[in-house]
Amino acid sequence: MNRHVVVREIDRADPAVVDALGQIGVVAVEPLIEALGWNEPAQRVSAALALGQIGREAKSAGPALEK
């Protein structure tokens, strides 16, 4: 999975995209962590939800989620 594709898809910020990113798994974690710092609140929420769906494999997102 190309990292840029993952980041571009989160721009849509809809439940189907969040679900798809969550199902991608660990490959999506780094771009989703980056998305947590974006300006648009809906994008940050979508990234956090997708990380939650990924679960323990997204443990490295913990510090970014605490911000």
N, C-alpha and C. Protein backbone atom coordinates (compact mmCIF):
# COMPACT_ATOMS: atom_id res chain seq x y z
N MET A 1 0.86 -1.18 0.00
CA MET A 1 0.00 0.00 0.00
C MET A 1 0.89 1.22 0.00
N ASN A 2 0.66 2.07 -0.95
CA ASN A 2 1.41 3.32 -1.06
C ASN A 2 0.95 4.28 0.03
N ARG A 3 1.88 4.78 0.79
CA ARG A 3 1.58 5.69 1.89
C ARG A 3 0.79 6.91 1.43
N HIS A 4 1.11 7.44 0.26
CA HIS A 4 0.42 8.63 -0.24
C HIS A 4 -1.05 8.34 -0.55
N VAL A 5 -1.34 7.13 -0.97
CA VAL A 5 -2.73 6.76 -1.22
C VAL A 5 -3.51 6.78 0.09
N VAL A 6 -2.93 6.25 1.14
CA VAL A 6 -3.60 6.23 2.44
C VAL A 6 -3.89 7.65 2.91
N VAL A 7 -2.90 8.53 2.82
CA VAL A 7 -3.08 9.91 3.27
C VAL A 7 -4.13 10.61 2.42
N ARG A 8 -4.13 10.41 1.14
CA ARG A 8 -5.11 11.05 0.26
C ARG A 8 -6.52 10.59 0.61
N GLU A 9 -6.70 9.32 0.89
CA GLU A 9 -8.02 8.79 1.19
C GLU A 9 -8.61 9.36 2.47
N ILE A 10 -7.78 9.66 3.45
CA ILE A 10 -8.30 10.21 4.69
C ILE A 10 -8.90 11.59 4.47
N ASP A 11 -8.52 12.27 3.39
CA ASP A 11 -9.12 13.56 3.07
C ASP A 11 -10.63 13.48 2.96
N ARG A 12 -11.13 12.33 2.60
CA ARG A 12 -12.58 12.17 2.43
C ARG A 12 -13.32 12.14 3.75
N ALA A 13 -12.66 11.69 4.80
CA ALA A 13 -13.20 11.71 6.17
C ALA A 13 -14.63 11.19 6.26
N ASP A 14 -14.92 10.03 5.67
CA ASP A 14 -16.24 9.44 5.85
C ASP A 14 -16.09 8.05 6.47
N PRO A 15 -17.16 7.53 7.05
CA PRO A 15 -17.06 6.25 7.77
C PRO A 15 -16.53 5.09 6.94
N ALA A 16 -16.86 5.03 5.67
CA ALA A 16 -16.38 3.93 4.82
C ALA A 16 -14.86 3.99 4.66
N VAL A 17 -14.33 5.20 4.55
CA VAL A 17 -12.88 5.36 4.41
C VAL A 17 -12.20 5.00 5.73
N VAL A 18 -12.76 5.43 6.84
CA VAL A 18 -12.20 5.08 8.16
C VAL A 18 -12.16 3.57 8.31
N ASP A 19 -13.25 2.90 7.95
CA ASP A 19 -13.31 1.45 8.06
C ASP A 19 -12.26 0.79 7.18
N ALA A 20 -12.13 1.27 5.95
CA ALA A 20 -11.15 0.69 5.02
C ALA A 20 -9.73 0.88 5.53
N LEU A 21 -9.43 2.06 6.04
CA LEU A 21 -8.09 2.32 6.57
C LEU A 21 -7.82 1.45 7.80
N GLY A 22 -8.83 1.27 8.62
CA GLY A 22 -8.68 0.41 9.79
C GLY A 22 -8.39 -1.03 9.39
N GLN A 23 -8.99 -1.48 8.31
CA GLN A 23 -8.77 -2.85 7.84
C GLN A 23 -7.42 -3.03 7.17
N ILE A 24 -6.84 -1.97 6.66
CA ILE A 24 -5.51 -2.06 6.03
C ILE A 24 -4.50 -2.53 7.07
N GLY A 25 -4.63 -2.02 8.28
CA GLY A 25 -3.76 -2.46 9.35
C GLY A 25 -2.50 -1.65 9.51
N VAL A 26 -1.45 -2.33 9.91
CA VAL A 26 -0.21 -1.69 10.33
C VAL A 26 0.41 -0.80 9.25
N VAL A 27 0.19 -1.08 8.00
CA VAL A 27 0.74 -0.26 6.91
C VAL A 27 0.18 1.16 6.97
N ALA A 28 -1.02 1.30 7.48
CA ALA A 28 -1.67 2.61 7.53
C ALA A 28 -1.29 3.43 8.76
N VAL A 29 -0.62 2.82 9.72
CA VAL A 29 -0.38 3.50 11.00
C VAL A 29 0.41 4.79 10.85
N GLU A 30 1.55 4.77 10.18
CA GLU A 30 2.38 5.98 10.08
C GLU A 30 1.64 7.14 9.40
N PRO A 31 0.99 6.92 8.25
CA PRO A 31 0.26 8.04 7.64
C PRO A 31 -0.91 8.52 8.51
N LEU A 32 -1.53 7.60 9.23
CA LEU A 32 -2.62 8.01 10.11
C LEU A 32 -2.10 8.84 11.28
N ILE A 33 -0.93 8.51 11.78
CA ILE A 33 -0.31 9.33 12.83
C ILE A 33 -0.07 10.74 12.30
N GLU A 34 0.42 10.85 11.08
CA GLU A 34 0.62 12.17 10.46
C GLU A 34 -0.70 12.92 10.36
N ALA A 35 -1.76 12.21 9.99
CA ALA A 35 -3.07 12.84 9.82
C ALA A 35 -3.61 13.37 11.14
N LEU A 36 -3.18 12.83 12.27
CA LEU A 36 -3.62 13.34 13.57
C LEU A 36 -3.18 14.79 13.78
N GLY A 37 -2.18 15.24 13.05
CA GLY A 37 -1.69 16.62 13.19
C GLY A 37 -2.26 17.58 12.17
N TRP A 38 -3.15 17.11 11.32
CA TRP A 38 -3.73 17.99 10.30
C TRP A 38 -4.67 19.00 10.93
N ASN A 39 -4.95 20.08 10.21
CA ASN A 39 -5.79 21.17 10.73
C ASN A 39 -7.27 20.83 10.83
N GLU A 40 -7.78 20.05 9.91
CA GLU A 40 -9.22 19.75 9.85
C GLU A 40 -9.62 18.75 10.94
N PRO A 41 -10.49 19.16 11.86
CA PRO A 41 -10.90 18.27 12.95
C PRO A 41 -11.50 16.94 12.46
N ALA A 42 -12.30 16.97 11.42
CA ALA A 42 -12.92 15.74 10.92
C ALA A 42 -11.86 14.74 10.45
N GLN A 43 -10.78 15.24 9.89
CA GLN A 43 -9.70 14.36 9.44
C GLN A 43 -8.97 13.75 10.64
N ARG A 44 -8.77 14.55 11.67
CA ARG A 44 -8.11 14.03 12.87
C ARG A 44 -8.97 12.96 13.54
N VAL A 45 -10.28 13.21 13.61
CA VAL A 45 -11.18 12.22 14.21
C VAL A 45 -11.17 10.94 13.38
N SER A 46 -11.22 11.07 12.07
CA SER A 46 -11.20 9.90 11.20
C SER A 46 -9.92 9.10 11.39
N ALA A 47 -8.80 9.79 11.51
CA ALA A 47 -7.52 9.10 11.72
C ALA A 47 -7.52 8.37 13.06
N ALA A 48 -8.02 9.01 14.09
CA ALA A 48 -8.06 8.38 15.41
C ALA A 48 -8.96 7.15 15.41
N LEU A 49 -10.11 7.25 14.76
CA LEU A 49 -11.01 6.11 14.67
C LEU A 49 -10.38 4.95 13.92
N ALA A 50 -9.71 5.26 12.83
CA ALA A 50 -9.05 4.20 12.04
C ALA A 50 -7.96 3.54 12.87
N LEU A 51 -7.19 4.34 13.62
CA LEU A 51 -6.15 3.76 14.48
C LEU A 51 -6.78 2.86 15.54
N GLY A 52 -7.93 3.27 16.05
CA GLY A 52 -8.63 2.44 17.02
C GLY A 52 -9.06 1.10 16.43
N GLN A 53 -9.47 1.12 15.18
CA GLN A 53 -9.85 -0.13 14.51
C GLN A 53 -8.65 -1.03 14.29
N ILE A 54 -7.50 -0.44 14.06
CA ILE A 54 -6.28 -1.23 13.86
C ILE A 54 -5.90 -1.94 15.15
N GLY A 55 -6.14 -1.28 16.27
CA GLY A 55 -5.91 -1.91 17.56
C GLY A 55 -4.46 -1.90 18.02
N ARG A 56 -4.02 -3.00 18.61
CA ARG A 56 -2.69 -3.07 19.22
C ARG A 56 -1.56 -2.83 18.23
N GLU A 57 -1.78 -3.13 16.98
CA GLU A 57 -0.74 -2.87 15.98
C GLU A 57 -0.48 -1.37 15.81
N ALA A 58 -1.39 -0.54 16.31
CA ALA A 58 -1.24 0.91 16.22
C ALA A 58 -0.72 1.51 17.52
N LYS A 59 -0.12 0.69 18.36
CA LYS A 59 0.36 1.15 19.66
C LYS A 59 1.30 2.34 19.56
N SER A 60 2.07 2.42 18.49
CA SER A 60 3.02 3.52 18.32
C SER A 60 2.31 4.87 18.16
N ALA A 61 1.01 4.87 17.94
CA ALA A 61 0.25 6.11 17.80
C ALA A 61 -0.13 6.71 19.14
N GLY A 62 0.11 6.00 20.22
CA GLY A 62 -0.28 6.46 21.54
C GLY A 62 0.11 7.89 21.86
N PRO A 63 1.38 8.27 21.73
CA PRO A 63 1.77 9.64 22.06
C PRO A 63 1.07 10.68 21.18
N ALA A 64 0.86 10.38 19.91
CA ALA A 64 0.18 11.34 19.02
C ALA A 64 -1.29 11.46 19.39
N LEU A 65 -1.89 10.38 19.85
CA LEU A 65 -3.29 10.43 20.25
C LEU A 65 -3.49 11.22 21.54
N GLU A 66 -2.46 11.26 22.37
CA GLU A 66 -2.56 11.99 23.64
C GLU A 66 -2.47 13.50 23.47
N LYS A 67 -1.95 13.96 22.33
CA LYS A 67 -1.79 15.41 22.10
C LYS A 67 -3.09 16.11 21.96
